[in-house]
Amino acid sequence: MRNAVKNKLIRRILAVLMAIVVLLRVMPLSNTDTLAATAVHADGITISVSDETGEPLSGAGVLYSIDSRENGKKYKAGNLTTDETGAAVILEGSLYASDDLSLSAVISKAGYQTDGITIADAQITSESQDFQVILRKDAVVEEASEEIQEDISKEDNPDETSPEAVKNEEDEPKTEENVTPKDEE
């Protein structure tokens, strides 16, 4: 009787584990939020890009591929740039097909980090869907930018001990006031 109870318990545990595996497989592996389309692009599938503070990033590169179960891989692919609202329309809403499309994309912008695959096989679930992506500033670029700013401010406002501020006597033009006569023998 104990063996029957053990077997039943093992089967239930395995069933729960299999259910968890199925749920994890169905969930998209993207690190993006999916919301309704943007106000500016209400009738289309968009990718919106912003920085860590939530400010839209215009000029970000969007390399994308939309796969279709019916029409095959790379049903639609392209390379776009985000507009002033930080959005790029990747598919018109009229081309949406229910339970058919998935999106993969790489988002990049100079001075910001990218991971190579920003969106991976995310399901497109409506004709007016927005995939939101947040890019983080690249620490190396930020440090270099700060150093350049410091160098520029030093050039604009040299202090009295800097080499730019110390004048060499040879650099001064010779005038009667600053020429010392040599003693003649």
Protein backbone atom coordinates (compact mmCIF):
# COMPACT_ATOMS: atom_id res chain seq x y z
CA MET A 1 0.00 0.00 0.00
CA ARG A 2 2.88 2.32 0.81
CA ASN A 3 4.35 1.80 -2.66
CA ALA A 4 1.05 2.78 -4.28
CA VAL A 5 0.96 6.02 -2.26
CA LYS A 6 4.60 6.77 -3.14
CA ASN A 7 3.96 6.16 -6.84
CA LYS A 8 0.90 8.39 -6.79
CA LEU A 9 2.86 11.17 -5.04
CA ILE A 10 5.74 10.88 -7.51
CA ARG A 11 3.32 11.10 -10.47
CA ARG A 12 1.72 14.25 -9.03
CA ILE A 13 5.10 15.88 -8.45
CA LEU A 14 6.17 15.06 -12.01
CA ALA A 15 2.89 16.44 -13.36
CA VAL A 16 3.45 19.72 -11.51
CA LEU A 17 7.05 19.95 -12.78
CA MET A 18 5.93 19.31 -16.35
CA ALA A 19 3.27 22.00 -16.04
CA ILE A 20 5.91 24.47 -14.86
CA VAL A 21 8.18 23.58 -17.79
CA VAL A 22 5.32 24.10 -20.25
CA LEU A 23 4.49 27.49 -18.72
CA LEU A 24 8.10 28.62 -18.91
CA ARG A 25 8.33 27.55 -22.54
CA VAL A 26 5.19 29.47 -23.51
CA MET A 27 6.33 32.70 -21.84
CA PRO A 28 8.36 35.06 -24.08
CA LEU A 29 12.03 35.30 -23.21
CA SER A 30 12.15 39.04 -23.81
CA ASN A 31 13.23 41.66 -21.30
CA THR A 32 10.72 44.13 -22.66
CA ASP A 33 7.30 45.30 -21.61
CA THR A 34 4.44 44.89 -24.05
CA LEU A 35 1.70 47.51 -24.05
CA ALA A 36 -0.83 48.99 -26.41
CA ALA A 37 0.59 50.95 -29.35
CA THR A 38 1.88 54.47 -28.84
CA ALA A 39 -0.48 57.44 -29.13
CA VAL A 40 1.39 58.72 -32.18
CA HIS A 41 1.35 55.32 -33.92
CA ALA A 42 -2.00 53.92 -32.75
CA ASP A 43 -2.55 51.58 -35.71
CA GLY A 44 0.60 49.51 -35.84
CA ILE A 45 3.06 47.30 -34.05
CA THR A 46 5.83 49.45 -32.63
CA ILE A 47 9.05 49.28 -30.66
CA SER A 48 9.51 52.22 -28.26
CA VAL A 49 12.98 52.98 -26.93
CA SER A 50 13.76 55.09 -23.86
CA ASP A 51 16.64 55.64 -21.45
CA GLU A 52 16.69 54.71 -17.76
CA THR A 53 14.89 57.91 -16.83
CA GLY A 54 12.01 57.19 -19.22
CA GLU A 55 13.02 59.81 -21.80
CA PRO A 56 12.36 58.68 -25.40
CA LEU A 57 15.51 58.00 -27.44
CA SER A 58 15.26 59.23 -31.00
CA GLY A 59 17.80 57.99 -33.51
CA ALA A 60 18.16 54.50 -32.00
CA GLY A 61 18.75 51.71 -34.50
CA VAL A 62 16.09 48.97 -34.67
CA LEU A 63 17.17 45.83 -36.55
CA TYR A 64 14.18 43.48 -36.51
CA SER A 65 12.79 40.28 -37.95
CA ILE A 66 9.19 39.10 -37.80
CA ASP A 67 8.67 35.37 -38.25
CA SER A 68 5.36 33.88 -39.38
CA ARG A 69 4.11 30.34 -38.88
CA GLU A 70 2.14 30.57 -42.13
CA ASN A 71 4.55 32.61 -44.26
CA GLY A 72 7.88 31.38 -42.91
CA LYS A 73 10.89 32.89 -41.18
CA LYS A 74 11.71 36.53 -41.81
CA TYR A 75 8.16 37.25 -43.01
CA LYS A 76 9.14 40.88 -42.58
CA ALA A 77 12.54 42.25 -41.64
CA GLY A 78 14.17 45.63 -41.66
CA ASN A 79 16.46 48.21 -40.16
CA LEU A 80 14.71 51.33 -38.85
CA THR A 81 15.53 54.36 -36.73
CA THR A 82 13.32 55.59 -33.90
CA ASP A 83 11.53 58.91 -34.42
CA GLU A 84 11.39 61.91 -32.05
CA THR A 85 8.97 59.99 -29.80
CA GLY A 86 11.45 57.09 -29.53
CA ALA A 87 9.21 54.77 -31.59
CA ALA A 88 9.63 52.74 -34.78
CA VAL A 89 6.68 51.14 -36.58
CA ILE A 90 7.74 47.61 -37.52
CA LEU A 91 4.42 46.37 -38.91
CA GLU A 92 1.20 48.03 -39.97
CA GLY A 93 -1.79 46.86 -37.95
CA SER A 94 -3.59 45.65 -41.09
CA LEU A 95 -0.84 43.03 -41.65
CA TYR A 96 -1.32 41.46 -38.20
CA ALA A 97 -2.36 37.79 -38.16
CA SER A 98 -3.61 36.28 -34.90
CA ASP A 99 -1.39 33.57 -33.32
CA ASP A 100 1.00 33.72 -36.26
CA LEU A 101 3.75 36.29 -35.69
CA SER A 102 6.81 36.53 -33.44
CA LEU A 103 9.39 39.30 -33.17
CA SER A 104 13.14 39.32 -32.66
CA ALA A 105 15.03 42.61 -32.57
CA VAL A 106 18.30 44.27 -31.66
CA ILE A 107 18.14 47.88 -30.48
CA SER A 108 21.27 50.02 -30.38
CA LYS A 109 22.34 53.62 -29.97
CA ALA A 110 25.80 55.14 -29.64
CA GLY A 111 26.66 55.70 -25.97
CA TYR A 112 24.21 53.04 -24.76
CA GLN A 113 24.67 49.37 -23.90
CA THR A 114 23.15 46.65 -26.05
CA ASP A 115 23.09 42.94 -25.37
CA GLY A 116 23.05 41.65 -28.95
CA ILE A 117 19.45 40.39 -28.77
CA THR A 118 17.08 42.84 -27.12
CA ILE A 119 13.86 41.03 -28.02
CA ALA A 120 13.90 37.27 -28.68
CA ASP A 121 10.93 35.43 -30.22
CA ALA A 122 8.27 37.59 -28.51
CA GLN A 123 4.74 36.83 -29.64
CA ILE A 124 2.88 39.63 -31.41
CA THR A 125 -0.57 39.45 -29.87
CA SER A 126 -2.49 42.40 -31.32
CA GLU A 127 -2.62 44.78 -34.27
CA SER A 128 -1.70 47.74 -32.05
CA GLN A 129 1.07 46.47 -29.82
CA ASP A 130 4.10 48.33 -28.44
CA PHE A 131 7.29 46.62 -27.27
CA GLN A 132 9.05 48.93 -24.82
CA VAL A 133 12.83 48.75 -24.55
CA ILE A 134 15.02 50.59 -22.05
CA LEU A 135 18.65 51.25 -22.96
CA ARG A 136 21.21 52.00 -20.27
CA LYS A 137 24.06 54.46 -20.73
CA ASP A 138 27.40 52.85 -21.43
CA ALA A 139 29.62 53.49 -18.38
CA VAL A 140 32.80 53.68 -20.48
CA VAL A 141 31.32 56.30 -22.78
CA GLU A 142 29.96 58.24 -19.80
CA GLU A 143 33.40 58.34 -18.11
CA ALA A 144 35.11 59.40 -21.34
CA SER A 145 32.51 62.12 -21.83
CA GLU A 146 33.13 63.45 -18.31
CA GLU A 147 36.90 63.52 -18.94
CA ILE A 148 36.42 65.37 -22.22
CA GLN A 149 34.16 67.92 -20.49
CA GLU A 150 36.82 68.44 -17.80
CA ASP A 151 39.52 68.94 -20.45
CA ILE A 152 37.36 71.46 -22.32
CA SER A 153 36.62 73.45 -19.16
CA LYS A 154 40.34 73.50 -18.29
CA GLU A 155 41.13 74.87 -21.75
CA ASP A 156 38.44 77.53 -21.43
CA ASN A 157 39.45 78.55 -17.88
CA PRO A 158 43.12 77.82 -17.29
CA ASP A 159 44.26 78.44 -13.76
CA GLU A 160 47.40 80.43 -13.05
CA THR A 161 49.56 77.36 -12.46
CA SER A 162 48.69 75.60 -15.68
CA PRO A 163 51.22 75.67 -18.52
CA GLU A 164 48.78 77.62 -20.69
CA ALA A 165 48.57 80.43 -18.16
CA VAL A 166 52.30 80.71 -17.43
CA LYS A 167 53.89 82.87 -20.08
CA ASN A 168 57.38 82.26 -21.17
CA GLU A 169 59.53 85.34 -21.46
CA GLU A 170 60.57 84.26 -24.94
CA ASP A 171 56.91 84.29 -26.06
CA GLU A 172 56.45 87.94 -25.10
CA PRO A 173 57.12 90.46 -27.81
CA LYS A 174 60.21 92.56 -27.17
CA THR A 175 59.35 96.14 -26.29
CA GLU A 176 61.31 98.90 -24.68
CA GLU A 177 59.53 98.33 -21.37
CA ASN A 178 60.40 94.68 -20.94
CA VAL A 179 63.93 94.74 -22.41
CA THR A 180 66.68 95.02 -19.85
CA PRO A 181 69.81 96.66 -21.16
CA LYS A 182 72.96 94.62 -20.82
CA ASP A 183 75.89 96.18 -19.07
CA GLU A 184 78.46 97.21 -21.53
CA GLU A 185 82.07 96.74 -20.61
